[in-house]
Structure formats: C-alpha cells, structure tokens
N, C-alpha and C. Protein backbone atom coordinates (compact mmCIF):
# COMPACT_ATOMS: atom_id res chain seq x y z
N MET A 1 -66.43 12.96 32.91
CA MET A 1 -65.82 11.66 32.87
C MET A 1 -64.73 11.59 33.94
N ARG A 2 -64.63 10.47 34.60
CA ARG A 2 -63.65 10.27 35.66
C ARG A 2 -62.26 10.10 35.07
N ARG A 3 -61.28 10.72 35.72
CA ARG A 3 -59.89 10.54 35.29
C ARG A 3 -59.40 9.18 35.69
N ARG A 4 -58.61 8.60 34.85
CA ARG A 4 -58.09 7.28 35.13
C ARG A 4 -56.68 7.40 35.69
N ARG A 5 -56.46 6.86 36.85
CA ARG A 5 -55.13 6.87 37.45
C ARG A 5 -54.34 5.66 36.95
N VAL A 6 -53.09 5.90 36.67
CA VAL A 6 -52.23 4.84 36.19
C VAL A 6 -51.09 4.68 37.19
N SER A 7 -50.94 3.49 37.72
CA SER A 7 -49.88 3.24 38.70
C SER A 7 -48.55 3.00 38.00
N CYS A 8 -47.47 3.05 38.76
CA CYS A 8 -46.14 2.80 38.21
C CYS A 8 -46.03 1.37 37.65
N LEU A 9 -46.71 0.42 38.30
CA LEU A 9 -46.69 -0.96 37.81
C LEU A 9 -47.38 -1.04 36.45
N GLN A 10 -48.52 -0.34 36.32
CA GLN A 10 -49.21 -0.33 35.03
C GLN A 10 -48.35 0.34 33.96
N ILE A 11 -47.66 1.39 34.35
CA ILE A 11 -46.77 2.07 33.41
C ILE A 11 -45.65 1.13 32.98
N TYR A 12 -45.11 0.37 33.91
CA TYR A 12 -44.06 -0.59 33.58
C TYR A 12 -44.58 -1.62 32.58
N ARG A 13 -45.81 -2.12 32.81
CA ARG A 13 -46.39 -3.11 31.90
C ARG A 13 -46.64 -2.50 30.52
N ILE A 14 -47.13 -1.27 30.50
CA ILE A 14 -47.35 -0.58 29.23
C ILE A 14 -46.02 -0.38 28.52
N THR A 15 -44.99 0.00 29.26
CA THR A 15 -43.67 0.20 28.68
C THR A 15 -43.15 -1.09 28.07
N GLU A 16 -43.35 -2.21 28.78
CA GLU A 16 -42.95 -3.52 28.24
C GLU A 16 -43.70 -3.81 26.95
N LEU A 17 -45.01 -3.57 26.98
CA LEU A 17 -45.84 -3.80 25.80
C LEU A 17 -45.34 -2.96 24.63
N LEU A 18 -45.07 -1.69 24.87
CA LEU A 18 -44.59 -0.80 23.82
C LEU A 18 -43.25 -1.25 23.26
N SER A 19 -42.34 -1.65 24.13
CA SER A 19 -41.03 -2.07 23.64
C SER A 19 -41.14 -3.39 22.87
N ASN A 20 -42.04 -4.25 23.28
CA ASN A 20 -42.25 -5.50 22.54
C ASN A 20 -42.85 -5.24 21.17
N LEU A 21 -43.61 -4.18 21.05
CA LEU A 21 -44.23 -3.84 19.77
C LEU A 21 -43.35 -2.91 18.93
N SER A 22 -42.15 -2.67 19.40
CA SER A 22 -41.16 -1.83 18.70
C SER A 22 -41.62 -0.39 18.54
N PHE A 23 -42.31 0.14 19.53
CA PHE A 23 -42.68 1.54 19.50
C PHE A 23 -41.58 2.34 20.20
N HIS A 24 -41.21 3.45 19.58
CA HIS A 24 -40.18 4.30 20.19
C HIS A 24 -40.72 5.70 20.47
N ALA A 25 -42.02 5.90 20.29
CA ALA A 25 -42.59 7.22 20.44
C ALA A 25 -43.17 7.45 21.82
N TYR A 26 -42.61 6.83 22.84
CA TYR A 26 -43.13 7.05 24.18
C TYR A 26 -42.02 7.55 25.07
N ARG A 27 -42.43 8.22 26.14
CA ARG A 27 -41.47 8.70 27.12
C ARG A 27 -41.92 8.22 28.50
N PHE A 28 -40.96 7.81 29.27
CA PHE A 28 -41.27 7.30 30.60
C PHE A 28 -40.36 8.03 31.59
N ALA A 29 -40.95 8.86 32.42
CA ALA A 29 -40.14 9.61 33.38
C ALA A 29 -40.98 9.91 34.61
N ALA A 30 -40.50 9.53 35.75
CA ALA A 30 -41.14 9.81 37.04
C ALA A 30 -42.63 9.48 37.03
N CYS A 31 -42.95 8.30 36.55
CA CYS A 31 -44.33 7.80 36.52
C CYS A 31 -45.28 8.65 35.68
N LYS A 32 -44.73 9.40 34.73
CA LYS A 32 -45.56 10.14 33.78
C LYS A 32 -45.34 9.51 32.43
N LEU A 33 -46.40 9.23 31.72
CA LEU A 33 -46.29 8.51 30.47
C LEU A 33 -47.00 9.26 29.36
N VAL A 34 -46.31 9.41 28.23
CA VAL A 34 -46.94 9.94 27.04
C VAL A 34 -47.12 8.76 26.11
N VAL A 35 -48.36 8.42 25.82
CA VAL A 35 -48.68 7.24 25.04
C VAL A 35 -48.96 7.66 23.60
N PRO A 36 -48.41 6.95 22.61
CA PRO A 36 -48.70 7.27 21.21
C PRO A 36 -50.21 7.22 20.94
N ALA A 37 -50.65 8.07 20.02
CA ALA A 37 -52.08 8.18 19.72
C ALA A 37 -52.70 6.85 19.34
N ALA A 38 -51.96 6.01 18.65
CA ALA A 38 -52.49 4.72 18.21
C ALA A 38 -52.84 3.80 19.37
N LEU A 39 -52.21 4.01 20.52
CA LEU A 39 -52.47 3.14 21.67
C LEU A 39 -53.37 3.77 22.72
N ARG A 40 -53.71 5.07 22.59
CA ARG A 40 -54.54 5.73 23.60
C ARG A 40 -55.91 5.09 23.72
N ALA A 41 -56.57 4.87 22.60
CA ALA A 41 -57.92 4.31 22.62
C ALA A 41 -57.96 2.91 23.22
N PRO A 42 -57.10 1.96 22.78
CA PRO A 42 -57.15 0.63 23.37
C PRO A 42 -56.86 0.61 24.87
N LEU A 43 -56.07 1.56 25.34
CA LEU A 43 -55.74 1.61 26.76
C LEU A 43 -56.79 2.38 27.56
N GLY A 44 -57.69 3.07 26.86
CA GLY A 44 -58.72 3.84 27.54
C GLY A 44 -58.20 5.15 28.09
N LEU A 45 -57.08 5.61 27.58
CA LEU A 45 -56.49 6.86 28.06
C LEU A 45 -56.82 7.99 27.10
N LYS A 46 -57.20 9.14 27.65
CA LYS A 46 -57.44 10.32 26.83
C LYS A 46 -56.43 11.36 27.27
N MET A 47 -55.65 11.82 26.32
CA MET A 47 -54.65 12.83 26.63
C MET A 47 -54.87 14.02 25.72
N LYS A 48 -54.80 15.21 26.30
CA LYS A 48 -55.01 16.41 25.52
C LYS A 48 -53.69 16.83 24.89
N ARG A 49 -53.78 17.18 23.59
CA ARG A 49 -52.59 17.66 22.89
C ARG A 49 -52.30 19.09 23.34
N SER A 50 -51.05 19.43 23.36
CA SER A 50 -50.63 20.77 23.71
C SER A 50 -50.66 21.63 22.45
N ASN A 51 -51.40 22.71 22.48
CA ASN A 51 -51.52 23.60 21.33
C ASN A 51 -50.38 24.62 21.35
N PRO A 52 -49.50 24.59 20.33
CA PRO A 52 -48.36 25.51 20.31
C PRO A 52 -48.70 26.93 19.84
N ILE A 53 -49.96 27.18 19.50
CA ILE A 53 -50.36 28.51 19.02
C ILE A 53 -50.86 29.33 20.21
N SER A 54 -50.21 30.45 20.46
CA SER A 54 -50.65 31.34 21.54
C SER A 54 -51.36 32.54 20.94
N GLU A 55 -52.14 33.24 21.77
CA GLU A 55 -52.86 34.43 21.31
C GLU A 55 -51.90 35.47 20.76
N GLU A 56 -50.72 35.53 21.36
CA GLU A 56 -49.70 36.50 20.95
C GLU A 56 -49.23 36.29 19.51
N LEU A 57 -49.42 35.07 18.98
CA LEU A 57 -48.97 34.76 17.63
C LEU A 57 -50.03 35.01 16.55
N ILE A 58 -51.16 35.59 16.93
CA ILE A 58 -52.16 35.97 15.93
C ILE A 58 -51.99 37.47 15.68
N ALA A 59 -51.53 37.80 14.49
CA ALA A 59 -51.21 39.19 14.13
C ALA A 59 -52.49 40.02 13.97
N PRO A 60 -52.40 41.34 14.08
CA PRO A 60 -53.57 42.21 13.90
C PRO A 60 -54.25 42.01 12.54
N CYS A 61 -53.51 41.62 11.51
CA CYS A 61 -54.07 41.43 10.17
C CYS A 61 -54.81 40.10 10.05
N GLY A 62 -54.71 39.22 11.05
CA GLY A 62 -55.37 37.92 10.99
C GLY A 62 -54.43 36.78 10.63
N MET A 63 -53.18 37.10 10.35
CA MET A 63 -52.19 36.06 10.02
C MET A 63 -51.84 35.30 11.29
N ASN A 64 -51.81 33.98 11.18
CA ASN A 64 -51.38 33.12 12.29
C ASN A 64 -49.87 32.97 12.15
N CYS A 65 -49.12 33.76 12.92
CA CYS A 65 -47.65 33.74 12.82
C CYS A 65 -47.07 32.38 13.17
N ALA A 66 -47.78 31.56 13.92
CA ALA A 66 -47.27 30.24 14.33
C ALA A 66 -47.10 29.30 13.14
N ILE A 67 -47.81 29.55 12.02
CA ILE A 67 -47.68 28.69 10.84
C ILE A 67 -46.85 29.35 9.74
N CYS A 68 -46.24 30.48 10.05
CA CYS A 68 -45.37 31.19 9.11
C CYS A 68 -44.01 30.49 9.07
N SER A 69 -43.46 30.32 7.88
CA SER A 69 -42.17 29.65 7.73
C SER A 69 -41.05 30.37 8.48
N ARG A 70 -41.09 31.69 8.50
CA ARG A 70 -40.04 32.43 9.21
C ARG A 70 -40.13 32.20 10.72
N HIS A 71 -41.35 32.11 11.26
CA HIS A 71 -41.50 31.82 12.68
C HIS A 71 -41.11 30.38 12.99
N LEU A 72 -41.53 29.44 12.16
CA LEU A 72 -41.15 28.03 12.36
C LEU A 72 -39.64 27.85 12.25
N SER A 73 -39.01 28.63 11.39
CA SER A 73 -37.55 28.62 11.27
C SER A 73 -36.92 29.11 12.58
N TYR A 74 -37.53 30.13 13.17
CA TYR A 74 -37.05 30.69 14.43
C TYR A 74 -37.17 29.67 15.58
N ILE A 75 -38.34 29.06 15.75
CA ILE A 75 -38.52 28.16 16.89
C ILE A 75 -37.81 26.83 16.72
N ASN A 76 -37.45 26.47 15.47
CA ASN A 76 -36.72 25.23 15.23
C ASN A 76 -35.22 25.47 15.00
N ASN A 77 -34.77 26.67 15.27
CA ASN A 77 -33.35 27.05 15.19
C ASN A 77 -32.71 26.73 13.85
N LEU A 78 -33.43 27.01 12.76
CA LEU A 78 -32.85 26.83 11.43
C LEU A 78 -32.04 28.08 11.09
N LYS A 79 -30.99 27.90 10.38
CA LYS A 79 -30.14 29.02 9.97
C LYS A 79 -30.72 29.65 8.70
N ARG A 80 -31.94 30.15 8.83
CA ARG A 80 -32.65 30.78 7.72
C ARG A 80 -33.22 32.10 8.21
N SER A 81 -33.98 32.74 7.35
CA SER A 81 -34.68 33.96 7.71
C SER A 81 -35.63 33.64 8.87
N GLN A 82 -35.57 34.43 9.94
CA GLN A 82 -36.35 34.12 11.13
C GLN A 82 -37.17 35.31 11.60
N CYS A 83 -38.25 35.01 12.34
CA CYS A 83 -39.11 36.04 12.91
C CYS A 83 -39.80 35.46 14.14
N ILE A 84 -39.92 36.24 15.20
CA ILE A 84 -40.59 35.75 16.41
C ILE A 84 -42.10 36.00 16.36
N GLY A 85 -42.56 36.72 15.36
CA GLY A 85 -43.99 37.03 15.24
C GLY A 85 -44.22 38.53 15.31
N CYS A 86 -45.34 38.98 14.78
CA CYS A 86 -45.63 40.41 14.73
C CYS A 86 -45.83 41.03 16.11
N ARG A 87 -46.68 40.44 16.91
CA ARG A 87 -46.95 41.01 18.24
C ARG A 87 -45.76 40.89 19.19
N PRO A 88 -45.08 39.74 19.25
CA PRO A 88 -43.94 39.66 20.15
C PRO A 88 -42.82 40.66 19.84
N ARG A 89 -42.68 41.04 18.55
CA ARG A 89 -41.64 42.01 18.19
C ARG A 89 -41.99 43.41 18.67
N LYS A 90 -43.29 43.66 18.90
CA LYS A 90 -43.77 44.96 19.33
C LYS A 90 -43.38 46.09 18.36
N VAL A 91 -43.37 45.75 17.07
CA VAL A 91 -43.12 46.74 16.03
C VAL A 91 -44.16 46.56 14.95
N ARG A 92 -44.24 47.53 14.07
CA ARG A 92 -45.19 47.44 12.97
C ARG A 92 -44.81 46.31 12.03
N CYS A 93 -45.83 45.71 11.45
CA CYS A 93 -45.61 44.64 10.48
C CYS A 93 -44.93 45.23 9.25
N ALA A 94 -43.79 44.66 8.89
CA ALA A 94 -43.03 45.17 7.75
C ALA A 94 -43.76 44.99 6.43
N TYR A 95 -44.59 43.95 6.32
CA TYR A 95 -45.26 43.65 5.06
C TYR A 95 -46.56 44.43 4.87
N LEU A 96 -47.22 44.77 5.95
CA LEU A 96 -48.55 45.36 5.82
C LEU A 96 -48.63 46.78 6.38
N PHE A 97 -48.08 46.98 7.55
CA PHE A 97 -48.36 48.22 8.26
C PHE A 97 -47.42 49.39 7.96
N GLY A 98 -46.46 49.20 7.08
CA GLY A 98 -45.63 50.33 6.68
C GLY A 98 -46.47 51.39 6.00
N LYS A 99 -47.54 50.97 5.34
CA LYS A 99 -48.42 51.90 4.62
C LYS A 99 -49.78 52.02 5.29
N CYS A 100 -49.91 51.55 6.51
CA CYS A 100 -51.19 51.57 7.21
C CYS A 100 -51.49 52.96 7.74
N PHE A 101 -52.69 53.45 7.46
CA PHE A 101 -53.12 54.74 7.98
C PHE A 101 -54.24 54.59 9.00
N GLY A 102 -54.54 53.39 9.37
CA GLY A 102 -55.61 53.13 10.32
C GLY A 102 -55.11 52.66 11.66
N ILE A 103 -55.02 51.35 11.84
CA ILE A 103 -54.72 50.72 13.12
C ILE A 103 -53.38 51.20 13.72
N ASN A 104 -52.36 51.42 12.89
CA ASN A 104 -51.06 51.82 13.40
C ASN A 104 -50.95 53.30 13.71
N HIS A 105 -51.74 54.13 13.04
CA HIS A 105 -51.56 55.56 13.20
C HIS A 105 -52.64 56.25 14.03
N THR A 106 -53.90 55.88 13.84
CA THR A 106 -54.97 56.58 14.55
C THR A 106 -55.36 55.92 15.86
N ALA A 107 -55.28 54.60 15.93
CA ALA A 107 -55.74 53.88 17.12
C ALA A 107 -54.71 53.89 18.24
N ARG A 108 -53.45 54.12 17.93
CA ARG A 108 -52.37 54.15 18.92
C ARG A 108 -52.30 52.89 19.78
N GLY A 109 -52.51 51.74 19.13
CA GLY A 109 -52.35 50.48 19.84
C GLY A 109 -53.58 49.99 20.59
N ASN A 110 -54.69 50.75 20.56
CA ASN A 110 -55.90 50.32 21.27
C ASN A 110 -56.70 49.30 20.49
N THR A 111 -56.38 49.11 19.23
CA THR A 111 -57.10 48.20 18.37
C THR A 111 -56.33 46.89 18.28
N ALA A 112 -57.00 45.77 18.56
CA ALA A 112 -56.31 44.48 18.56
C ALA A 112 -56.23 43.88 17.16
N PHE A 113 -57.28 44.07 16.34
CA PHE A 113 -57.33 43.48 15.01
C PHE A 113 -57.79 44.50 13.99
N CYS A 114 -57.39 44.29 12.76
CA CYS A 114 -57.72 45.23 11.68
C CYS A 114 -59.22 45.42 11.49
N PHE A 115 -60.03 44.39 11.76
CA PHE A 115 -61.48 44.54 11.56
C PHE A 115 -62.09 45.58 12.50
N GLU A 116 -61.36 45.99 13.54
CA GLU A 116 -61.84 47.01 14.47
C GLU A 116 -61.56 48.43 13.97
N CYS A 117 -60.78 48.53 12.90
CA CYS A 117 -60.37 49.81 12.35
C CYS A 117 -61.47 50.39 11.45
N ASN A 118 -61.61 51.70 11.45
CA ASN A 118 -62.60 52.37 10.60
C ASN A 118 -62.30 52.22 9.11
N TYR A 119 -61.05 51.94 8.76
CA TYR A 119 -60.65 51.83 7.36
C TYR A 119 -60.72 50.40 6.83
N TYR A 120 -61.12 49.45 7.65
CA TYR A 120 -61.16 48.04 7.24
C TYR A 120 -62.33 47.77 6.30
N PRO A 121 -62.17 47.01 5.26
CA PRO A 121 -60.92 46.46 4.71
C PRO A 121 -60.21 47.50 3.87
N CYS A 122 -58.95 47.70 4.15
CA CYS A 122 -58.16 48.71 3.45
C CYS A 122 -57.43 48.09 2.26
N LYS A 123 -56.75 48.92 1.52
CA LYS A 123 -56.02 48.48 0.33
C LYS A 123 -54.95 47.44 0.70
N GLN A 124 -54.26 47.66 1.80
CA GLN A 124 -53.19 46.74 2.21
C GLN A 124 -53.74 45.37 2.59
N ILE A 125 -54.84 45.33 3.34
CA ILE A 125 -55.45 44.05 3.72
C ILE A 125 -55.95 43.33 2.48
N ASN A 126 -56.60 44.05 1.57
CA ASN A 126 -57.10 43.43 0.34
C ASN A 126 -55.96 42.86 -0.49
N ARG A 127 -54.86 43.60 -0.59
CA ARG A 127 -53.70 43.14 -1.37
C ARG A 127 -53.09 41.89 -0.73
N MET A 128 -52.94 41.89 0.59
CA MET A 128 -52.38 40.73 1.29
C MET A 128 -53.31 39.53 1.17
N ASP A 129 -54.61 39.78 1.31
CA ASP A 129 -55.59 38.70 1.20
C ASP A 129 -55.55 38.08 -0.20
N ASP A 130 -55.48 38.91 -1.23
CA ASP A 130 -55.39 38.39 -2.60
C ASP A 130 -54.15 37.53 -2.78
N ARG A 131 -53.01 38.01 -2.27
CA ARG A 131 -51.75 37.27 -2.41
C ARG A 131 -51.81 35.92 -1.69
N TYR A 132 -52.35 35.91 -0.47
CA TYR A 132 -52.44 34.66 0.28
C TYR A 132 -53.47 33.70 -0.31
N ARG A 133 -54.56 34.20 -0.83
CA ARG A 133 -55.55 33.34 -1.50
C ARG A 133 -54.92 32.69 -2.74
N ARG A 134 -54.22 33.49 -3.52
CA ARG A 134 -53.62 33.02 -4.78
C ARG A 134 -52.46 32.05 -4.50
N ASN A 135 -51.57 32.39 -3.60
CA ASN A 135 -50.34 31.61 -3.40
C ASN A 135 -50.45 30.48 -2.39
N TYR A 136 -51.31 30.62 -1.37
CA TYR A 136 -51.32 29.64 -0.27
C TYR A 136 -52.71 29.11 0.07
N LYS A 137 -53.73 29.50 -0.71
CA LYS A 137 -55.10 29.02 -0.50
C LYS A 137 -55.62 29.31 0.91
N MET A 138 -55.29 30.50 1.40
CA MET A 138 -55.72 30.94 2.73
C MET A 138 -56.12 32.41 2.65
N SER A 139 -57.13 32.80 3.42
CA SER A 139 -57.63 34.17 3.39
C SER A 139 -57.42 34.86 4.73
N ILE A 140 -56.73 35.98 4.68
CA ILE A 140 -56.53 36.82 5.86
C ILE A 140 -57.88 37.38 6.32
N LYS A 141 -58.69 37.84 5.37
CA LYS A 141 -60.00 38.40 5.71
C LYS A 141 -60.93 37.35 6.30
N ASP A 142 -60.87 36.11 5.81
CA ASP A 142 -61.66 35.03 6.40
C ASP A 142 -61.21 34.76 7.84
N ASN A 143 -59.90 34.81 8.07
CA ASN A 143 -59.39 34.64 9.44
C ASN A 143 -59.94 35.72 10.35
N LEU A 144 -59.91 36.97 9.90
CA LEU A 144 -60.42 38.07 10.71
C LEU A 144 -61.92 37.92 10.98
N GLU A 145 -62.65 37.49 9.98
CA GLU A 145 -64.09 37.28 10.14
C GLU A 145 -64.38 36.17 11.16
N TYR A 146 -63.59 35.10 11.12
CA TYR A 146 -63.74 33.99 12.07
C TYR A 146 -63.46 34.49 13.49
N ILE A 147 -62.40 35.27 13.65
CA ILE A 147 -62.06 35.81 14.98
C ILE A 147 -63.18 36.71 15.48
N LYS A 148 -63.71 37.54 14.61
CA LYS A 148 -64.78 38.47 14.98
C LYS A 148 -66.04 37.72 15.42
N LYS A 149 -66.42 36.66 14.68
CA LYS A 149 -67.65 35.92 14.98
C LYS A 149 -67.50 34.91 16.10
N MET A 150 -66.41 34.15 16.08
CA MET A 150 -66.26 33.01 16.99
C MET A 150 -65.33 33.27 18.18
N GLY A 151 -64.49 34.27 18.09
CA GLY A 151 -63.55 34.57 19.17
C GLY A 151 -62.17 34.02 18.87
N LEU A 152 -61.19 34.61 19.53
CA LEU A 152 -59.79 34.25 19.29
C LEU A 152 -59.48 32.82 19.74
N GLY A 153 -60.03 32.39 20.87
CA GLY A 153 -59.78 31.04 21.38
C GLY A 153 -60.21 29.95 20.41
N GLN A 154 -61.42 30.09 19.85
CA GLN A 154 -61.90 29.09 18.89
C GLN A 154 -61.11 29.15 17.59
N PHE A 155 -60.69 30.36 17.20
CA PHE A 155 -59.87 30.49 16.00
C PHE A 155 -58.55 29.73 16.17
N ILE A 156 -57.93 29.88 17.32
CA ILE A 156 -56.66 29.21 17.59
C ILE A 156 -56.83 27.69 17.56
N GLU A 157 -57.90 27.19 18.17
CA GLU A 157 -58.16 25.74 18.14
C GLU A 157 -58.39 25.24 16.71
N ALA A 158 -59.17 25.99 15.92
CA ALA A 158 -59.44 25.60 14.54
C ALA A 158 -58.15 25.61 13.71
N GLN A 159 -57.31 26.60 13.94
CA GLN A 159 -56.03 26.68 13.22
C GLN A 159 -55.13 25.51 13.58
N TYR A 160 -55.12 25.13 14.85
CA TYR A 160 -54.27 24.00 15.26
C TYR A 160 -54.75 22.71 14.61
N GLU A 161 -56.06 22.49 14.59
CA GLU A 161 -56.58 21.28 13.94
C GLU A 161 -56.29 21.27 12.45
N LYS A 162 -56.36 22.43 11.82
CA LYS A 162 -56.14 22.52 10.38
C LYS A 162 -54.66 22.34 10.00
N TYR A 163 -53.75 22.88 10.80
CA TYR A 163 -52.33 22.88 10.45
C TYR A 163 -51.47 21.96 11.31
N ARG A 164 -52.10 21.08 12.09
CA ARG A 164 -51.36 20.15 12.96
C ARG A 164 -50.74 19.04 12.13
N CYS A 165 -49.48 18.74 12.43
CA CYS A 165 -48.80 17.62 11.78
C CYS A 165 -49.29 16.33 12.44
N SER A 166 -49.73 15.39 11.63
CA SER A 166 -50.26 14.13 12.16
C SER A 166 -49.16 13.24 12.73
N ARG A 167 -47.91 13.51 12.38
CA ARG A 167 -46.81 12.67 12.86
C ARG A 167 -46.27 13.13 14.21
N CYS A 168 -46.18 14.46 14.43
CA CYS A 168 -45.52 14.93 15.67
C CYS A 168 -46.37 15.91 16.48
N ASP A 169 -47.57 16.25 16.01
CA ASP A 169 -48.45 17.24 16.64
C ASP A 169 -47.88 18.65 16.59
N GLY A 170 -46.81 18.86 15.81
CA GLY A 170 -46.27 20.20 15.58
C GLY A 170 -47.14 20.91 14.55
N LEU A 171 -46.60 21.97 13.95
CA LEU A 171 -47.37 22.74 12.98
C LEU A 171 -46.78 22.64 11.58
N ILE A 172 -47.67 22.67 10.61
CA ILE A 172 -47.28 22.65 9.20
C ILE A 172 -47.33 24.09 8.68
N SER A 173 -46.29 24.49 7.99
CA SER A 173 -46.16 25.85 7.48
C SER A 173 -47.18 26.14 6.39
N ILE A 174 -47.73 27.34 6.44
CA ILE A 174 -48.64 27.80 5.38
C ILE A 174 -47.85 28.09 4.11
N HIS A 175 -46.57 28.43 4.25
CA HIS A 175 -45.76 28.88 3.12
C HIS A 175 -45.11 27.76 2.31
N ASN A 176 -44.94 26.56 2.89
CA ASN A 176 -44.36 25.47 2.10
C ASN A 176 -45.03 24.12 2.37
N SER A 177 -46.08 24.11 3.17
CA SER A 177 -46.85 22.90 3.49
C SER A 177 -46.00 21.79 4.10
N LYS A 178 -44.99 22.15 4.88
CA LYS A 178 -44.12 21.17 5.50
C LYS A 178 -44.05 21.37 7.01
N CYS A 179 -43.83 20.26 7.70
CA CYS A 179 -43.59 20.30 9.14
C CYS A 179 -42.09 20.50 9.33
N PHE A 180 -41.70 21.49 10.09
CA PHE A 180 -40.28 21.80 10.26
C PHE A 180 -39.59 20.81 11.20
N LYS A 181 -40.36 19.96 11.87
CA LYS A 181 -39.76 18.93 12.72
C LYS A 181 -39.61 17.61 11.97
N CYS A 182 -40.53 17.31 11.08
CA CYS A 182 -40.56 15.99 10.41
C CYS A 182 -39.97 16.00 9.00
N ASP A 183 -40.11 17.12 8.30
CA ASP A 183 -39.71 17.17 6.89
C ASP A 183 -38.37 17.87 6.71
N THR A 184 -37.72 17.57 5.60
CA THR A 184 -36.49 18.28 5.23
C THR A 184 -36.91 19.59 4.59
N ILE A 185 -36.38 20.68 5.10
CA ILE A 185 -36.74 22.01 4.61
C ILE A 185 -35.67 22.48 3.64
N THR A 186 -36.06 22.62 2.37
CA THR A 186 -35.14 23.13 1.37
C THR A 186 -35.45 24.59 1.04
N LYS A 187 -36.73 24.94 1.07
CA LYS A 187 -37.17 26.32 0.81
C LYS A 187 -38.17 26.72 1.89
N LEU A 188 -38.08 27.97 2.34
CA LEU A 188 -39.06 28.45 3.32
C LEU A 188 -40.41 28.73 2.66
N VAL A 189 -40.38 29.11 1.39
CA VAL A 189 -41.61 29.48 0.69
C VAL A 189 -41.71 28.69 -0.61
N GLU A 190 -42.86 28.02 -0.78
CA GLU A 190 -43.17 27.33 -2.03
C GLU A 190 -44.65 27.59 -2.31
N LYS A 191 -44.93 28.25 -3.38
CA LYS A 191 -46.33 28.56 -3.71
C LYS A 191 -47.11 27.30 -4.00
N THR A 192 -48.38 27.27 -3.55
CA THR A 192 -49.25 26.12 -3.80
C THR A 192 -49.71 26.15 -5.24
N LYS A 193 -49.83 24.99 -5.82
CA LYS A 193 -50.26 24.92 -7.23
C LYS A 193 -51.74 24.78 -7.35
C-alpha cells in the first residue's frame, strides 16, 4: 500500500478540525502529527502503534516483565516496590531461580528459556505456573510453549495486543489489571476473582 503524505497545510486543517471537535489527544510538532485512533480511519491514515515490550523484558521462565506491577511501577516512577526486569538486572530471578538446578547452574547462561533446560518442567516452574493460573489467570508454561512454537517476536506482539490499554496504548498489569498511566494505583497486587 502506498504511503500517504500529509502536507503542513493539511495538518493545519486537521488540527483545526480536532480543536473544533474538542479533541485534546493529538500532538502537532514540526509537521508530524499523531492522530487519535477514532479519526485515523476517516482520514485514511494508518499509524503503527509503538510496542513497549522488548525481547529483554521476557524472562527465562516465560514471564513478561513488561506487564509486571513492579516493572510498571519502575517505568512510571511510582514510589513503590520497583524492578527493571529479570534480564536487564543480569541476576538470578529472586522468585524462581534461587532454587534452580538447571538453567542457572548447568547451562551457565547459554540457555535463553527454561523450556531449553533438561529439567523442564521443574518443580519451581510448576509451582509458579500454578500460582499464576490461580491468582492471575495466566500460565507461565503456556507462555513458554507459545515462544517455543511461534517465536519470541510473535509472542511479544500477542502479549501487547492482550495487555494493551485501549485508552493510552500503554500496558495493563497482570498483577492488578490496571494501566499505570490511566488508573489510580492503590495496590500493586490484587488477585483476580
């Protein structure tokens, strides 16, 4: 499909239209325009959303650190418990790998995901998977299976579509089902009912 060029005059007209319609969700700077999703289709503009999930934020256990409340607290500068993610810290996962006898001890960092380990699924993965299934309706083992079958890139895209906030295109936390940009955060963790 051919890209559509938008001139500064067209941007000015669009800006006038938006201000007349009382829209405040647009930015106008140096002839670059971000148009609200509701107006993209009528204008014939297709804009790709920026995916905030990087490969570095997918932990060896299959957890998407980008949707973790502690990570969202970190990137949104909340004065709460914070974490930059398992891989960026370059240390063992405090919740899972303290008792790991596979990926952390025998592979010496050559293994990217737990499913590559000879001990998979181990007691620790099963315990974490049970806890996440029960409390947050998400499976660590299902995540690992998806990555194994479909690849990390497709997993990241699927996670973004599943956990994307419809209001700001940010991410919704797995631990409290809230967007840290749009919602008031009272608790980092709230179990799903």
